[in-house]
Each structure stands twice: as C-alpha cells, then as structure tokens.
Protein backbone atom coordinates (compact mmCIF):
# COMPACT_ATOMS: atom_id res chain seq x y z
CA MET A 1 0.00 0.00 0.00
CA ILE A 2 2.88 2.35 0.78
CA LEU A 3 4.47 1.53 -2.60
CA ALA A 4 1.15 2.16 -4.38
CA GLY A 5 0.80 5.53 -2.61
CA LEU A 6 4.34 6.52 -3.58
CA LEU A 7 3.69 5.56 -7.19
CA MET A 8 0.52 7.69 -7.30
CA VAL A 9 2.30 10.71 -5.82
CA THR A 10 5.20 10.24 -8.24
CA ASP A 11 2.80 9.91 -11.18
CA LEU A 12 1.12 13.21 -10.29
CA ASN A 13 4.31 15.21 -9.72
CA TRP A 14 6.93 13.73 -12.07
CA PRO A 15 6.29 14.36 -15.81
CA LYS A 16 8.61 11.55 -16.91
CA MET A 17 6.23 9.00 -15.41
CA LYS A 18 4.17 9.36 -18.63
CA GLU A 19 7.10 7.87 -20.56
CA GLY A 20 7.37 5.08 -18.03
CA ARG A 21 3.67 4.38 -18.37
CA ALA A 22 4.07 4.15 -22.14
CA TRP A 23 6.88 1.58 -21.78
CA LEU A 24 4.80 -0.42 -19.28
CA SER A 25 1.92 -0.37 -21.77
CA LEU A 26 4.33 -1.72 -24.38
CA LEU A 27 5.04 -4.69 -22.11
CA VAL A 28 1.33 -5.27 -21.55
CA THR A 29 0.44 -5.08 -25.28
CA PRO A 30 1.24 -8.78 -26.01
CA LEU A 31 -1.00 -9.78 -23.08
CA GLN A 32 -3.84 -7.68 -24.50
CA TRP A 33 -3.47 -9.45 -27.85
CA VAL A 34 -3.46 -12.87 -26.14
CA VAL A 35 -6.61 -12.00 -24.15
CA ASP A 36 -8.29 -10.98 -27.42
CA ILE A 37 -7.51 -14.32 -29.12
CA PRO A 38 -10.63 -16.17 -27.81
CA THR A 39 -12.87 -13.45 -29.23
CA ARG A 40 -11.13 -13.68 -32.61
CA VAL A 41 -11.44 -17.47 -32.62
CA ALA A 42 -15.12 -17.28 -31.66
CA ASP A 43 -15.77 -14.82 -34.49
CA SER A 44 -14.02 -17.13 -36.96
CA LEU A 45 -15.93 -20.22 -35.80
CA SER A 46 -19.27 -18.40 -35.89
CA GLY A 47 -18.57 -17.48 -39.49
CA VAL A 48 -17.86 -21.12 -40.38
CA VAL A 49 -20.93 -22.68 -38.78
CA VAL A 50 -23.50 -20.24 -40.20
CA ASP A 51 -25.94 -22.19 -42.33
CA ARG A 52 -26.65 -21.54 -45.98
CA ALA A 53 -30.15 -20.18 -45.36
CA SER A 54 -28.78 -17.45 -43.11
CA LEU A 55 -26.20 -16.52 -45.72
CA VAL A 56 -28.88 -16.32 -48.42
CA ARG A 57 -31.06 -14.06 -46.24
CA GLU A 58 -28.11 -11.86 -45.39
CA ASN A 59 -27.13 -11.65 -49.06
CA GLU A 60 -30.63 -10.54 -50.05
CA ALA A 61 -30.68 -7.93 -47.29
CA LEU A 62 -27.30 -6.61 -48.38
CA LYS A 63 -28.49 -6.36 -52.00
CA SER A 64 -31.53 -4.35 -50.93
CA GLU A 65 -29.36 -2.10 -48.77
CA ALA A 66 -26.91 -1.62 -51.63
CA LEU A 67 -29.73 -0.44 -53.91
CA VAL A 68 -30.90 2.07 -51.31
CA LEU A 69 -27.35 3.34 -50.83
CA GLU A 70 -26.85 3.68 -54.58
CA ARG A 71 -29.95 5.86 -54.76
CA LYS A 72 -28.63 8.01 -51.91
CA VAL A 73 -25.23 8.29 -53.61
CA GLN A 74 -26.92 9.58 -56.76
CA GLN A 75 -28.69 12.23 -54.71
CA MET A 76 -25.48 13.08 -52.86
CA ALA A 77 -23.66 13.64 -56.17
CA ALA A 78 -26.29 16.21 -57.18
CA LEU A 79 -26.16 17.88 -53.76
CA ALA A 80 -22.35 17.99 -53.83
CA ALA A 81 -22.40 19.69 -57.25
CA GLU A 82 -24.98 22.19 -56.01
CA ASN A 83 -22.91 22.83 -52.89
CA ILE A 84 -19.83 23.58 -55.01
CA ARG A 85 -21.79 26.07 -57.11
CA LEU A 86 -23.14 27.82 -54.02
CA ARG A 87 -19.67 28.03 -52.49
CA GLU A 88 -18.35 29.55 -55.68
CA LEU A 89 -21.12 32.16 -55.56
CA LEU A 90 -20.27 32.95 -51.94
CA GLY A 91 -16.54 32.95 -52.58
CA ALA A 92 -15.96 30.24 -50.00
CA GLY A 93 -13.17 27.71 -50.25
CA GLU A 94 -13.68 24.03 -50.93
CA ARG A 95 -14.41 21.94 -47.87
CA LEU A 96 -11.82 19.19 -47.57
CA GLU A 97 -12.67 15.88 -45.95
CA PRO A 98 -10.03 14.63 -43.49
CA GLU A 99 -8.37 11.27 -44.10
CA THR A 100 -9.27 8.23 -41.99
CA ARG A 101 -7.58 4.97 -41.03
CA LEU A 102 -9.10 1.67 -39.95
CA VAL A 103 -8.37 0.40 -36.43
CA GLU A 104 -9.65 -2.48 -34.33
CA LEU A 105 -10.93 -2.55 -30.77
CA ILE A 106 -8.90 -5.02 -28.68
CA GLY A 107 -9.94 -4.21 -25.12
CA VAL A 108 -12.48 -2.51 -22.86
CA ASN A 109 -11.82 -0.78 -19.55
CA PRO A 110 -13.56 -2.91 -16.87
CA ASP A 111 -14.09 0.14 -14.62
CA PRO A 112 -17.86 0.90 -14.88
CA PHE A 113 -17.19 4.58 -14.10
CA GLN A 114 -14.81 5.05 -17.05
CA HIS A 115 -16.11 4.43 -20.57
CA GLU A 116 -12.85 3.66 -22.34
CA VAL A 117 -11.70 1.18 -24.98
CA ILE A 118 -8.26 0.10 -26.21
CA LEU A 119 -7.45 0.26 -29.93
CA ASN A 120 -4.66 -1.52 -31.80
CA GLN A 121 -2.68 1.51 -33.04
CA GLY A 122 -0.47 3.88 -31.08
CA SER A 123 2.19 6.56 -31.34
CA GLU A 124 4.36 4.43 -33.64
CA ASP A 125 1.45 4.43 -36.14
CA GLY A 126 1.02 8.21 -36.08
CA VAL A 127 -1.94 8.32 -33.69
CA PHE A 128 -2.11 11.48 -31.58
CA ALA A 129 -3.90 12.48 -28.38
CA GLY A 130 -7.28 14.08 -29.04
CA GLN A 131 -7.76 12.27 -32.37
CA PRO A 132 -11.47 11.68 -33.16
CA VAL A 133 -12.73 8.10 -33.35
CA LEU A 134 -15.80 7.07 -35.40
CA ASP A 135 -17.75 3.97 -36.25
CA ALA A 136 -20.28 3.38 -39.03
CA GLY A 137 -22.98 5.22 -37.08
CA GLY A 138 -21.18 8.32 -35.88
CA VAL A 139 -18.75 9.70 -33.31
CA MET A 140 -17.42 7.16 -30.78
CA GLY A 141 -15.04 9.36 -28.82
CA GLN A 142 -11.45 10.60 -28.83
CA VAL A 143 -7.97 9.30 -28.06
CA ILE A 144 -6.86 10.32 -24.56
CA SER A 145 -3.59 8.41 -24.04
CA LEU A 146 -1.01 6.63 -26.15
CA ALA A 147 1.32 3.67 -25.91
CA HIS A 148 3.71 2.61 -28.67
CA TYR A 149 1.31 0.24 -30.43
CA THR A 150 -2.04 0.85 -28.70
CA ASN A 151 -4.12 3.79 -27.56
CA ARG A 152 -6.84 4.41 -25.02
CA THR A 153 -10.02 6.06 -26.33
CA MET A 154 -12.63 7.78 -24.17
CA LEU A 155 -16.21 7.25 -25.37
CA ILE A 156 -18.63 10.16 -25.72
CA THR A 157 -20.80 8.76 -22.89
CA ASP A 158 -17.98 9.03 -20.34
CA ALA A 159 -18.78 11.49 -17.55
CA ARG A 160 -15.68 13.53 -18.52
CA SER A 161 -16.76 13.93 -22.15
CA ALA A 162 -18.25 17.11 -23.66
CA ILE A 163 -18.79 17.65 -27.40
CA PRO A 164 -20.01 20.85 -29.12
CA VAL A 165 -22.97 19.84 -31.29
CA GLU A 166 -25.67 21.47 -33.37
CA VAL A 167 -29.17 20.42 -34.39
CA ASN A 168 -28.94 19.34 -38.01
CA ARG A 169 -32.43 20.68 -38.74
CA ASN A 170 -31.89 24.31 -37.75
CA GLY A 171 -28.28 24.80 -36.61
CA PHE A 172 -29.07 25.35 -32.90
CA ARG A 173 -25.82 24.84 -30.96
CA ALA A 174 -25.32 23.15 -27.59
CA ILE A 175 -22.90 20.96 -25.60
CA ALA A 176 -23.53 17.20 -25.39
CA LEU A 177 -22.32 15.81 -22.07
CA GLY A 178 -21.63 12.21 -21.18
CA LYS A 179 -23.51 11.05 -18.10
CA GLY A 180 -21.73 7.76 -17.43
CA VAL A 181 -24.60 5.81 -19.06
CA LEU A 182 -23.72 3.92 -22.25
CA ASP A 183 -26.90 4.82 -24.16
CA GLU A 184 -27.49 8.41 -23.07
CA LEU A 185 -26.15 11.94 -23.57
CA GLU A 186 -27.52 15.17 -22.14
CA LEU A 187 -27.50 18.67 -23.61
CA GLU A 188 -26.35 21.40 -21.26
CA HIS A 189 -27.99 24.82 -20.74
CA VAL A 190 -30.68 24.55 -23.41
CA PRO A 191 -33.04 27.57 -23.19
CA ASP A 192 -36.73 26.85 -22.68
CA THR A 193 -37.47 28.64 -25.95
CA ALA A 194 -35.01 26.58 -28.04
CA ASP A 195 -36.41 24.90 -31.16
CA ILE A 196 -35.43 21.31 -30.43
CA ARG A 197 -37.65 18.25 -30.81
CA GLU A 198 -37.59 14.52 -30.26
CA GLY A 199 -35.95 12.79 -33.23
CA ASP A 200 -33.65 15.72 -34.09
CA LEU A 201 -30.20 14.63 -35.28
CA LEU A 202 -27.27 16.17 -33.43
CA VAL A 203 -24.03 16.56 -35.40
CA THR A 204 -20.61 17.93 -34.51
CA SER A 205 -20.52 21.71 -34.84
CA GLY A 206 -16.76 21.96 -35.41
CA LEU A 207 -16.39 24.43 -32.52
CA GLY A 208 -13.58 23.80 -30.10
CA GLY A 209 -11.26 22.43 -32.79
CA ARG A 210 -11.49 18.81 -31.66
CA PHE A 211 -14.01 17.21 -34.04
CA PRO A 212 -14.62 18.11 -37.70
CA ARG A 213 -18.04 19.51 -38.48
CA GLY A 214 -21.00 17.45 -39.64
CA TYR A 215 -20.45 13.99 -38.09
CA PRO A 216 -23.50 12.39 -36.40
CA VAL A 217 -23.28 12.34 -32.60
CA ALA A 218 -26.73 11.46 -31.26
CA ARG A 219 -30.48 11.66 -31.83
CA VAL A 220 -32.77 13.46 -29.38
CA LYS A 221 -35.01 10.99 -27.55
CA GLU A 222 -36.58 13.14 -24.83
CA VAL A 223 -37.30 16.86 -24.34
CA VAL A 224 -38.65 17.92 -20.94
CA ARG A 225 -39.76 21.53 -20.46
CA ASP A 226 -40.41 22.24 -16.79
CA PRO A 227 -41.65 25.75 -15.86
CA GLY A 228 -39.85 25.40 -12.55
CA ARG A 229 -36.44 24.91 -14.17
CA PRO A 230 -34.38 27.59 -15.96
CA PHE A 231 -33.32 25.21 -18.74
CA THR A 232 -34.92 22.47 -20.82
CA LEU A 233 -33.82 18.90 -20.09
CA VAL A 234 -32.76 17.25 -23.35
CA LYS A 235 -31.63 13.62 -23.49
CA ALA A 236 -30.19 11.99 -26.60
CA GLU A 237 -29.15 8.52 -27.71
CA PRO A 238 -25.66 8.13 -29.28
CA ALA A 239 -25.60 7.45 -33.01
CA ALA A 240 -22.55 5.19 -32.69
CA ARG A 241 -22.89 1.58 -31.56
CA LEU A 242 -20.71 2.05 -28.51
CA ASP A 243 -21.16 -1.45 -27.12
CA ARG A 244 -21.03 -3.41 -30.40
CA SER A 245 -18.63 -1.81 -32.89
CA ARG A 246 -15.28 -3.55 -33.25
CA HIS A 247 -13.81 -1.96 -36.39
CA LEU A 248 -13.46 1.82 -36.05
CA LEU A 249 -12.03 4.81 -37.90
CA LEU A 250 -9.43 7.29 -36.68
CA VAL A 251 -9.84 10.72 -38.28
CA ASP A 252 -6.64 12.62 -39.15
CA TYR A 253 -8.12 15.99 -38.24
CA HIS A 254 -5.78 18.94 -37.66
CA PRO A 255 -7.83 22.16 -37.59
CA GLU A 256 -6.11 25.28 -38.86
CA PRO A 257 -5.44 27.89 -36.17
CA ILE A 258 -7.76 30.90 -36.26
CA GLU A 259 -5.94 34.07 -37.23
CA VAL A 260 -6.96 37.13 -35.22
CA ALA A 261 -6.43 40.57 -36.73
CA GLN A 262 -4.37 43.05 -34.71
CA GLY A 263 -7.29 45.48 -34.68
CA ASP A 264 -9.53 42.84 -33.12
CA VAL A 265 -6.96 42.20 -30.38
CA ASP A 266 -6.61 45.90 -29.61
CA GLY A 267 -10.39 46.30 -29.55
C-alpha cells in the first residue's frame, strides 16, 4: 500500500512518469493481444458454422441495402455539385474531408465509471492524443492516451466527455455531455425557448477544434420543459454503436489555427 501511494504521488508530480507508463503499456500489449484471441477465434468459428439459409437471407438484405445506398449516392452527387456552385457564388473555399484509417478494438476498460476502450494503433502508427474516433454510425469518442502500439479512447458517454454539437435541422448549438450511461447523452444549458424536438439529429458543430463539423453524434429521444427549471432537459441517444462496434475509424483531423487581426486584439 505504501508503494502504491508513492507511485501515485510520483505519477502526479513527475512528468517523466508518462514515458514510463508508455513503456509499461508496451510490455502489456502482447498480453492484450493474447486476451483478445478467444474473441477472434469465436468470431471465426461463428462465421464457419453459419448455415446456408442465413447466408442467403443476409445476401438478399445486403443487396436491398446496396440499392438504397446507390440511390442516396446519386442524390449526394447532385447535392455535392450544387454545394460547389453555391460556395463559388459565396466565394468560399472548398471543404476538404479529413483522411481516416481503420483500427480495431482489442480491449475494454472494466471500470464501470470510465467508458474507455483500447485500440490496436499507437504513437508508432502516427496516432495522436485528441484524435477523433468514429464507427459506421457516428462519433465514438477521442484518443486520450497513447502507448507505442495501442491507444486508449474515451467514449462520448464518459462522464468527462463534452462535445459541441448542433441540431442538423436548424443549426441550434449546444454541448452534449456524457452522463456515465452507455446509451445516453444530455444537452447542457438549453433555453426553454429553443427549437429542439424529439428525433432531431445532433451533429458535430466543429467548434472547439477537436471534431470536424457534420459527423452524427446522437439523436434526441426526450425533451422535458419544466416551468420550474431555468433550462430544458434534453436527453439523446448516441448514433454510434458504442457497445457493439469492433472496427473503427481514426480521423486525421488537424484544424487550422484561427488568425486574429491586430485590430480585433486591440479592440
């Protein structure tokens, strides 16, 4: 217990302990891979024993989904062309999409009060602290610590998480806070007169410089307006499949610093 106390005090007051923690994580990495082997084997066996009928049904469903997606892609092409023309009229620059890389989830933090997962790429792969993490549904979270070949990602439902969002329907901006519950977010300081409804899609607003704009975050599931409270209670359900997604995307997002004119500073 004395040794544990000394280590905690040293970790808080000695900056080089971060390097030591990274090297310790490097030693633990092989163990994390070994622990993940049963899951990989189970996934492989489940793929082998699936019967033909299930495969046929899945194939038909995928074909139908592909047709729907093709129709949406055709519409998106027209919208993209229209967007380019409007930006040219407004004199705005082209909006560049950040690059992404595929990563795999190899571990979950067992602490119920910390919503964190471990991914299989680290500082040696070019991952950086604060990097956004997505799945097929939307924003999962952000990288908070690095080892050489792994990283630790905090999910958006963690009680320490806060993401600037906006309502996709009308652009109303707010802050989505994690509440420590895996299927719930809460919007902070929403005025009672705000135009926000159940079913509204919340996307990243791009404010704060952490997440690029326009990625789905959550969908509003409950709006409670109480005359006795100064703000409206808004609860939302995350768009990402936080408890099921295994293959994720890291977004190489480096926002450009905002230049402030000298006159603005003096004013």
